[in-house]
Amino acid sequence: MEKEQCGICGYVYDPAVGAPEGGISPGTPFSEIPDDWVCPVCGATKDAFIPLSE
């Protein structure tokens, strides 16, 4: 599963970790996160995230 990075603040969403502070369980692909989810650091919407190439 691919990581996604917030284009505003740089927060990285790692599907292996999820986003427990936002109610997103580990193992959840970014595509399955609800559309109303926001970055836990800066509050940016999902469309501000870009795939992170490793």
Protein backbone atom coordinates (compact mmCIF):
# COMPACT_ATOMS: atom_id res chain seq x y z
CA MET A 1 0.00 0.00 0.00
CA GLU A 2 1.24 3.43 -0.95
CA LYS A 3 1.88 6.24 1.51
CA GLU A 4 0.37 9.68 0.86
CA GLN A 5 1.82 13.02 1.93
CA CYS A 6 -0.03 16.20 2.79
CA GLY A 7 1.02 18.88 0.30
CA ILE A 8 0.40 21.57 2.92
CA CYS A 9 2.30 20.43 6.03
CA GLY A 10 4.17 17.27 4.98
CA TYR A 11 2.27 14.82 7.23
CA VAL A 12 2.64 11.30 5.83
CA TYR A 13 -0.29 8.89 5.93
CA ASP A 14 1.09 5.36 6.23
CA PRO A 15 -1.58 2.69 5.63
CA ALA A 16 0.35 0.25 7.82
CA VAL A 17 -0.09 2.63 10.77
CA GLY A 18 -3.42 4.25 9.86
CA ALA A 19 -4.43 7.47 11.60
CA PRO A 20 -5.68 6.42 15.05
CA GLU A 21 -6.18 10.05 16.09
CA GLY A 22 -8.71 10.33 13.25
CA GLY A 23 -10.35 6.95 13.76
CA ILE A 24 -8.57 5.29 10.82
CA SER A 25 -7.45 1.75 11.63
CA PRO A 26 -4.06 0.32 10.62
CA GLY A 27 -4.24 -1.45 7.26
CA THR A 28 -6.66 1.08 5.74
CA PRO A 29 -5.66 2.15 2.21
CA PHE A 30 -5.82 5.90 1.60
CA SER A 31 -8.51 5.34 -1.04
CA GLU A 32 -10.82 3.84 1.62
CA ILE A 33 -10.56 6.78 4.04
CA PRO A 34 -13.84 8.76 4.13
CA ASP A 35 -13.88 11.85 1.89
CA ASP A 36 -14.55 14.13 4.87
CA TRP A 37 -11.35 13.03 6.66
CA VAL A 38 -8.77 15.81 7.16
CA CYS A 39 -5.06 15.89 7.88
CA PRO A 40 -4.58 15.42 11.65
CA VAL A 41 -1.80 18.02 11.69
CA CYS A 42 -3.09 20.94 9.60
CA GLY A 43 -6.70 20.11 8.74
CA ALA A 44 -6.15 19.92 4.96
CA THR A 45 -8.69 17.88 2.99
CA LYS A 46 -7.89 14.57 1.27
CA ASP A 47 -7.40 16.28 -2.09
CA ALA A 48 -4.32 18.06 -0.68
CA PHE A 49 -2.52 14.69 -0.39
CA ILE A 50 -0.17 13.36 -3.03
CA PRO A 51 1.33 9.86 -3.47
CA LEU A 52 4.69 9.59 -1.76
CA SER A 53 7.32 7.89 -3.91
CA GLU A 54 9.90 6.05 -1.89
